[in-house]
Amino acid sequence: MSLLEEVQDTRYGLLDDTDRVMVFEDYNRVRAALDEDLILHLIAEGYVERCPPRDMVSCLHGVIRKPVLPLRLTKTGETLMHRWSGYTPLT
C-alpha cells in the first residue's frame, strides 16, 4: 500500500496544531509517524491537506488525550495516487 493510499484511508493526522504527524493505531490511539518529513512535503506540495476542524478527534498519545486533526488527499493528490497505481512494480 502506498503512502497516498494510507492518507486516503485516514491513517495520518496532525497533533493539536503542532504540525507533528501522527499515525492512527486504532480509532482512539496515535503514535509518531516515521515518515513525517514525507507527509509534510506532500502537504507543502499541495497533495495532502488537513481535514476541516469539525473532523478533529480526541486520541491517546501515550497516556495523555490530545486532539488530532486527520489528513486527506486533495484532488491533485488523488490524481497522483491513481497515476502511481497504474504502474506495474519493478520486481
C-alpha atoms as a PDB file:
ATOM      1  CA  MET A   1       0.000   0.000   0.000  1.00  0.00           C
ATOM      2  CA  SER A   2       1.420   3.369  -0.972  1.00  0.00           C
ATOM      3  CA  LEU A   3       1.681   6.358   1.316  1.00  0.00           C
ATOM      4  CA  LEU A   4      -1.014   8.202  -0.645  1.00  0.00           C
ATOM      5  CA  GLU A   5      -3.387   5.258  -0.196  1.00  0.00           C
ATOM      6  CA  GLU A   6      -2.708   5.320   3.540  1.00  0.00           C
ATOM      7  CA  VAL A   7      -3.530   9.050   3.628  1.00  0.00           C
ATOM      8  CA  GLN A   8      -6.746   8.332   1.716  1.00  0.00           C
ATOM      9  CA  ASP A   9      -7.642   5.683   4.315  1.00  0.00           C
ATOM     10  CA  THR A  10      -7.237   8.393   7.022  1.00  0.00           C
ATOM     11  CA  ARG A  11      -4.264   6.767   8.731  1.00  0.00           C
ATOM     12  CA  TYR A  12      -2.405  10.067   9.349  1.00  0.00           C
ATOM     13  CA  GLY A  13      -3.219  13.190  11.329  1.00  0.00           C
ATOM     14  CA  LEU A  14      -1.660  16.300  12.852  1.00  0.00           C
ATOM     15  CA  LEU A  15      -1.322  16.513  16.621  1.00  0.00           C
ATOM     16  CA  ASP A  16      -3.014  19.543  18.281  1.00  0.00           C
ATOM     17  CA  ASP A  17      -1.757  22.295  15.928  1.00  0.00           C
ATOM     18  CA  THR A  18       1.918  21.406  16.458  1.00  0.00           C
ATOM     19  CA  ASP A  19       2.318  20.019  12.903  1.00  0.00           C
ATOM     20  CA  ARG A  20       3.626  16.737  14.331  1.00  0.00           C
ATOM     21  CA  VAL A  21       2.437  13.960  12.054  1.00  0.00           C
ATOM     22  CA  MET A  22       0.789  11.019  13.829  1.00  0.00           C
ATOM     23  CA  VAL A  23      -0.316   7.568  12.689  1.00  0.00           C
ATOM     24  CA  PHE A  24      -3.665   6.263  13.917  1.00  0.00           C
ATOM     25  CA  GLU A  25      -3.037   2.861  15.535  1.00  0.00           C
ATOM     26  CA  ASP A  26      -6.742   2.399  16.137  1.00  0.00           C
ATOM     27  CA  TYR A  27      -9.680   4.763  16.498  1.00  0.00           C
ATOM     28  CA  ASN A  28      -8.522   6.422  19.715  1.00  0.00           C
ATOM     29  CA  ARG A  29      -4.724   5.898  19.858  1.00  0.00           C
ATOM     30  CA  VAL A  30      -1.927   7.574  17.855  1.00  0.00           C
ATOM     31  CA  ARG A  31       1.865   7.345  17.662  1.00  0.00           C
ATOM     32  CA  ALA A  32       4.519   9.456  15.931  1.00  0.00           C
ATOM     33  CA  ALA A  33       4.838   8.771  12.200  1.00  0.00           C
ATOM     34  CA  LEU A  34       8.210   7.542  10.954  1.00  0.00           C
ATOM     35  CA  ASP A  35       7.699   9.210   7.566  1.00  0.00           C
ATOM     36  CA  GLU A  36       6.789  12.635   8.957  1.00  0.00           C
ATOM     37  CA  ASP A  37       9.105  14.508   6.560  1.00  0.00           C
ATOM     38  CA  LEU A  38       7.476  12.921   3.522  1.00  0.00           C
ATOM     39  CA  ILE A  39       3.955  13.732   4.736  1.00  0.00           C
ATOM     40  CA  LEU A  40       4.961  17.350   5.446  1.00  0.00           C
ATOM     41  CA  HIS A  41       6.457  17.559   1.949  1.00  0.00           C
ATOM     42  CA  LEU A  42       3.211  16.260   0.420  1.00  0.00           C
ATOM     43  CA  ILE A  43       1.321  18.924   2.397  1.00  0.00           C
ATOM     44  CA  ALA A  44       3.707  21.645   1.170  1.00  0.00           C
ATOM     45  CA  GLU A  45       3.322  20.477  -2.452  1.00  0.00           C
ATOM     46  CA  GLY A  46      -0.484  20.514  -2.207  1.00  0.00           C
ATOM     47  CA  TYR A  47      -1.150  16.757  -2.444  1.00  0.00           C
ATOM     48  CA  VAL A  48      -2.350  16.382   1.158  1.00  0.00           C
ATOM     49  CA  GLU A  49      -4.389  18.776   3.305  1.00  0.00           C
ATOM     50  CA  ARG A  50      -5.895  18.992   6.760  1.00  0.00           C
ATOM     51  CA  CYS A  51      -9.486  17.902   7.219  1.00  0.00           C
ATOM     52  CA  PRO A  52     -11.918  20.586   8.447  1.00  0.00           C
ATOM     53  CA  PRO A  53     -11.752  21.338  12.204  1.00  0.00           C
ATOM     54  CA  ARG A  54     -15.122  19.606  12.726  1.00  0.00           C
ATOM     55  CA  ASP A  55     -13.377  16.270  11.948  1.00  0.00           C
ATOM     56  CA  MET A  56     -10.948  16.615  14.885  1.00  0.00           C
ATOM     57  CA  VAL A  57     -10.810  13.539  17.122  1.00  0.00           C
ATOM     58  CA  SER A  58      -9.530  13.073  20.644  1.00  0.00           C
ATOM     59  CA  CYS A  59      -6.866  10.345  20.831  1.00  0.00           C
ATOM     60  CA  LEU A  60      -4.439   8.937  23.335  1.00  0.00           C
ATOM     61  CA  HIS A  61      -0.821   9.875  22.678  1.00  0.00           C
ATOM     62  CA  GLY A  62       0.909   7.784  25.289  1.00  0.00           C
ATOM     63  CA  VAL A  63      -1.319   8.242  28.327  1.00  0.00           C
ATOM     64  CA  ILE A  64      -2.410  11.801  27.522  1.00  0.00           C
ATOM     65  CA  ARG A  65      -5.537  12.512  25.467  1.00  0.00           C
ATOM     66  CA  LYS A  66      -4.926  15.143  22.771  1.00  0.00           C
ATOM     67  CA  PRO A  67      -6.839  16.433  19.742  1.00  0.00           C
ATOM     68  CA  VAL A  68      -5.719  15.078  16.356  1.00  0.00           C
ATOM     69  CA  LEU A  69      -6.806  16.520  13.013  1.00  0.00           C
ATOM     70  CA  PRO A  70      -6.906  13.862  10.264  1.00  0.00           C
ATOM     71  CA  LEU A  71      -5.266  14.428   6.881  1.00  0.00           C
ATOM     72  CA  ARG A  72      -6.846  13.831   3.471  1.00  0.00           C
ATOM     73  CA  LEU A  73      -5.829  13.904  -0.177  1.00  0.00           C
ATOM     74  CA  THR A  74      -6.520  16.925  -2.336  1.00  0.00           C
ATOM     75  CA  LYS A  75      -7.824  16.488  -5.899  1.00  0.00           C
ATOM     76  CA  THR A  76      -4.228  16.743  -7.118  1.00  0.00           C
ATOM     77  CA  GLY A  77      -3.192  14.079  -4.593  1.00  0.00           C
ATOM     78  CA  GLU A  78      -5.968  11.751  -5.775  1.00  0.00           C
ATOM     79  CA  THR A  79      -4.831  12.204  -9.374  1.00  0.00           C
ATOM     80  CA  LEU A  80      -1.246  11.414  -8.391  1.00  0.00           C
ATOM     81  CA  MET A  81      -2.360   8.318  -6.462  1.00  0.00           C
ATOM     82  CA  HIS A  82      -4.360   6.996  -9.426  1.00  0.00           C
ATOM     83  CA  ARG A  83      -1.441   7.659 -11.783  1.00  0.00           C
ATOM     84  CA  TRP A  84       1.007   5.817  -9.491  1.00  0.00           C
ATOM     85  CA  SER A  85      -1.374   2.874  -9.008  1.00  0.00           C
ATOM     86  CA  GLY A  86      -1.410   2.325 -12.767  1.00  0.00           C
ATOM     87  CA  TYR A  87       2.299   1.472 -12.835  1.00  0.00           C
ATOM     88  CA  THR A  88       3.436  -2.123 -12.535  1.00  0.00           C
ATOM     89  CA  PRO A  89       6.002  -2.977  -9.843  1.00  0.00           C
ATOM     90  CA  LEU A  90       9.640  -3.388 -10.945  1.00  0.00           C
ATOM     91  CA  THR A  91      10.172  -6.642  -9.015  1.00  0.00           C
END
